[in-house]
Amino acid sequence: ITPWDFGDSSPALKQLIEEKKFPLPEGRGLVPGCGKGFDVYYLSSEKRHVTGLDISQTLIDQVQKEQKELNVPDSKVTFQQGNFFDLNPPEEKYQFIYDYTFMCAIPPHLRPKWASKIAELISSGGILIALMFPISNHTDGPPYALSTEIYQELLGENFIREYFDENPNSFERRKGKEHMSVWRRK
């Protein structure tokens, strides 16, 4: 088991949707760096098809096998191997993207490319749910340190921040190191 795999979706994501009642759009969603797919399953529904994207073919093979064992239909969930930066926008762009531990894993010099790709993939009026982690000032990585200012600088041109919580529910080891935010595509 990896140290970042908690075996469940983030408490902050559940809080946003279940307690704060944030209206998650229907339609297509994307979770880049999906790992074992906990967030993909959590965000999917009869009216939401969510694609989990990961660079590791071994991981994708594993989660596709688990999807079959769980009898989760392809109409709700798809797992796809690929490089986020090479992803072409689908004909019908995504209504939402959820980023938790993806942006912090990429080298800082690729952050502007990340922001451009996010803007390219999300439909006008769609949302980016960004659970910012780690909120820190350490200099090594991955995970690379993040801040609300970094997100604002990267996303401000194409997105409006609609929601922010600097103290969301978190896994115990991540308390005080996460901020939840929702950004709407202009």
Protein backbone atom coordinates (compact mmCIF):
# COMPACT_ATOMS: atom_id res chain seq x y z
CA ILE A 1 0.00 0.00 0.00
CA THR A 2 1.26 3.48 -0.81
CA PRO A 3 1.42 6.16 1.89
CA TRP A 4 -1.03 8.38 -0.01
CA ASP A 5 -3.65 5.62 -0.42
CA PHE A 6 -6.14 5.98 2.42
CA GLY A 7 -8.55 3.39 1.01
CA ASP A 8 -11.38 5.90 0.55
CA SER A 9 -12.30 9.25 -0.95
CA SER A 10 -11.12 12.33 0.87
CA PRO A 11 -13.23 13.52 3.81
CA ALA A 12 -12.99 17.04 2.31
CA LEU A 13 -14.62 15.91 -0.95
CA LYS A 14 -17.39 14.11 0.93
CA GLN A 15 -17.91 17.19 3.13
CA LEU A 16 -18.17 19.45 0.07
CA ILE A 17 -20.82 17.30 -1.58
CA GLU A 18 -22.71 15.81 1.37
CA GLU A 19 -22.55 18.51 4.06
CA LYS A 20 -22.00 21.71 2.07
CA LYS A 21 -24.38 20.43 -0.60
CA PHE A 22 -22.23 21.75 -3.43
CA PRO A 23 -24.18 21.03 -6.63
CA LEU A 24 -21.94 18.73 -8.64
CA PRO A 25 -22.78 19.02 -12.35
CA GLU A 26 -24.27 16.14 -14.28
CA GLY A 27 -22.47 14.86 -17.35
CA ARG A 28 -18.82 13.99 -17.81
CA GLY A 29 -16.13 14.17 -15.15
CA LEU A 30 -12.39 13.51 -15.06
CA VAL A 31 -10.07 12.52 -12.23
CA PRO A 32 -6.43 12.81 -13.40
CA GLY A 33 -3.97 10.73 -11.41
CA CYS A 34 -6.91 8.61 -10.26
CA GLY A 35 -4.91 5.97 -8.39
CA LYS A 36 -7.18 3.16 -7.21
CA GLY A 37 -10.28 5.05 -8.29
CA PHE A 38 -11.95 5.81 -4.96
CA ASP A 39 -12.84 9.34 -6.09
CA VAL A 40 -13.93 8.12 -9.53
CA TYR A 41 -16.48 5.80 -7.94
CA TYR A 42 -17.56 8.38 -5.38
CA LEU A 43 -18.24 11.06 -8.00
CA SER A 44 -20.02 8.79 -10.49
CA SER A 45 -23.77 8.33 -10.65
CA GLU A 46 -26.53 7.47 -13.09
CA LYS A 47 -26.24 11.05 -14.39
CA ARG A 48 -22.46 11.44 -14.11
CA HIS A 49 -19.92 9.45 -16.11
CA VAL A 50 -16.45 9.78 -14.59
CA THR A 51 -13.16 8.89 -16.27
CA GLY A 52 -10.19 8.00 -14.11
CA LEU A 53 -6.89 8.74 -15.84
CA ASP A 54 -3.52 7.44 -14.71
CA ILE A 55 -0.08 7.14 -16.32
CA SER A 56 0.45 3.60 -14.96
CA GLN A 57 -0.87 0.82 -17.20
CA THR A 58 -0.34 -1.68 -14.36
CA LEU A 59 -2.60 0.38 -12.11
CA ILE A 60 -5.25 0.83 -14.82
CA ASP A 61 -5.27 -2.93 -15.47
CA GLN A 62 -5.81 -3.50 -11.74
CA VAL A 63 -8.65 -0.97 -11.35
CA GLN A 64 -10.38 -2.19 -14.53
CA LYS A 65 -10.33 -5.72 -13.09
CA GLU A 66 -11.74 -4.44 -9.80
CA GLN A 67 -14.43 -2.48 -11.68
CA LYS A 68 -15.61 -5.72 -13.32
CA GLU A 69 -15.58 -7.53 -9.95
CA LEU A 70 -17.66 -4.72 -8.44
CA ASN A 71 -20.09 -4.84 -11.40
CA VAL A 72 -19.77 -1.09 -11.97
CA PRO A 73 -21.00 -0.39 -15.51
CA ASP A 74 -18.90 1.44 -18.09
CA SER A 75 -21.79 3.88 -18.39
CA LYS A 76 -20.80 5.28 -14.97
CA VAL A 77 -17.02 4.77 -14.81
CA THR A 78 -14.14 4.39 -17.25
CA PHE A 79 -10.48 3.94 -16.38
CA GLN A 80 -7.96 5.04 -18.99
CA GLN A 81 -4.17 4.91 -19.18
CA GLY A 82 -2.56 8.04 -20.50
CA ASN A 83 -0.53 11.16 -20.01
CA PHE A 84 -2.72 14.05 -18.86
CA PHE A 85 -0.73 16.54 -20.92
CA ASP A 86 -1.35 14.52 -24.11
CA LEU A 87 -5.09 14.20 -23.48
CA ASN A 88 -7.22 15.62 -26.27
CA PRO A 89 -10.45 17.33 -25.26
CA PRO A 90 -13.41 15.07 -25.92
CA GLU A 91 -16.08 16.23 -28.34
CA GLU A 92 -18.24 16.97 -25.31
CA LYS A 93 -15.88 18.62 -22.83
CA TYR A 94 -15.88 17.69 -19.15
CA GLN A 95 -18.41 19.34 -16.87
CA PHE A 96 -16.07 18.81 -13.92
CA ILE A 97 -12.54 17.77 -13.06
CA TYR A 98 -11.39 16.74 -9.60
CA ASP A 99 -7.72 17.26 -8.72
CA TYR A 100 -6.47 16.12 -5.34
CA THR A 101 -2.95 14.78 -5.44
CA PHE A 102 -2.25 15.27 -9.13
CA MET A 103 -1.03 18.86 -9.38
CA CYS A 104 1.29 18.44 -6.39
CA ALA A 105 2.96 15.47 -8.09
CA ILE A 106 4.04 17.32 -11.22
CA PRO A 107 7.21 19.44 -11.26
CA PRO A 108 6.50 23.15 -10.66
CA HIS A 109 7.73 24.17 -14.13
CA LEU A 110 4.79 22.20 -15.61
CA ARG A 111 2.13 24.01 -13.57
CA PRO A 112 1.25 26.56 -16.29
CA LYS A 113 0.83 23.66 -18.73
CA TRP A 114 -1.42 21.94 -16.15
CA ALA A 115 -3.61 25.07 -15.87
CA SER A 116 -3.86 25.42 -19.66
CA LYS A 117 -4.83 21.77 -20.07
CA ILE A 118 -7.46 22.01 -17.29
CA ALA A 119 -8.98 25.05 -19.03
CA GLU A 120 -8.91 23.26 -22.39
CA LEU A 121 -10.70 20.17 -21.04
CA ILE A 122 -13.50 21.84 -19.02
CA SER A 123 -16.59 23.21 -20.73
CA SER A 124 -17.57 26.83 -20.24
CA GLY A 125 -19.43 26.97 -16.92
CA GLY A 126 -17.90 23.66 -15.82
CA ILE A 127 -15.98 23.32 -12.57
CA LEU A 128 -12.59 22.31 -11.23
CA ILE A 129 -12.71 20.91 -7.72
CA ALA A 130 -9.19 21.37 -6.41
CA LEU A 131 -8.34 19.90 -3.03
CA MET A 132 -5.07 21.74 -2.51
CA PHE A 133 -2.39 19.57 -0.90
CA PRO A 134 0.17 20.04 0.54
CA ILE A 135 -0.29 23.60 1.75
CA SER A 136 3.29 24.11 2.81
CA ASN A 137 6.48 25.98 2.04
CA HIS A 138 8.86 23.02 1.76
CA THR A 139 11.14 23.11 -1.27
CA ASP A 140 11.51 19.46 -2.27
CA GLY A 141 9.03 17.06 -3.78
CA PRO A 142 6.99 15.35 -4.95
CA PRO A 143 4.63 16.19 -3.46
CA TYR A 144 5.54 19.78 -4.27
CA ALA A 145 4.33 22.53 -1.95
CA LEU A 146 1.23 24.46 -2.97
CA SER A 147 -0.55 27.61 -1.85
CA THR A 148 -3.79 29.41 -2.59
CA GLU A 149 -1.73 32.10 -4.34
CA ILE A 150 -0.26 29.53 -6.75
CA TYR A 151 -3.74 28.35 -7.71
CA GLN A 152 -5.01 31.91 -8.15
CA GLU A 153 -2.05 32.80 -10.35
CA LEU A 154 -2.52 29.68 -12.50
CA LEU A 155 -6.30 29.66 -12.76
CA GLY A 156 -7.33 33.32 -12.46
CA GLU A 157 -7.30 34.02 -16.19
CA ASN A 158 -9.79 31.26 -17.10
CA PHE A 159 -11.62 30.49 -13.85
CA ILE A 160 -13.50 32.23 -11.04
CA ARG A 161 -13.09 30.79 -7.56
CA GLU A 162 -16.59 30.07 -6.24
CA TYR A 163 -15.84 28.20 -3.04
CA PHE A 164 -12.96 28.06 -0.59
CA ASP A 165 -12.49 26.27 2.74
CA GLU A 166 -9.13 26.59 4.45
CA ASN A 167 -9.99 24.02 7.10
CA PRO A 168 -11.92 21.15 5.46
CA ASN A 169 -12.38 17.71 6.97
CA SER A 170 -9.17 15.79 6.30
CA PHE A 171 -7.47 12.49 6.89
CA GLU A 172 -5.65 12.75 10.24
CA ARG A 173 -2.14 12.96 8.69
CA ARG A 174 -3.27 15.79 6.41
CA LYS A 175 -5.07 18.04 8.88
CA GLY A 176 -3.96 21.65 8.41
CA LYS A 177 -2.27 20.84 5.09
CA GLU A 178 -5.33 20.94 2.81
CA HIS A 179 -7.62 23.63 1.42
CA MET A 180 -10.76 22.84 -0.59
CA SER A 181 -11.63 25.04 -3.55
CA VAL A 182 -14.04 25.07 -6.47
CA TRP A 183 -13.31 27.05 -9.64
CA ARG A 184 -15.85 27.77 -12.39
CA ARG A 185 -14.66 27.98 -15.99
CA LYS A 186 -15.33 31.39 -17.54
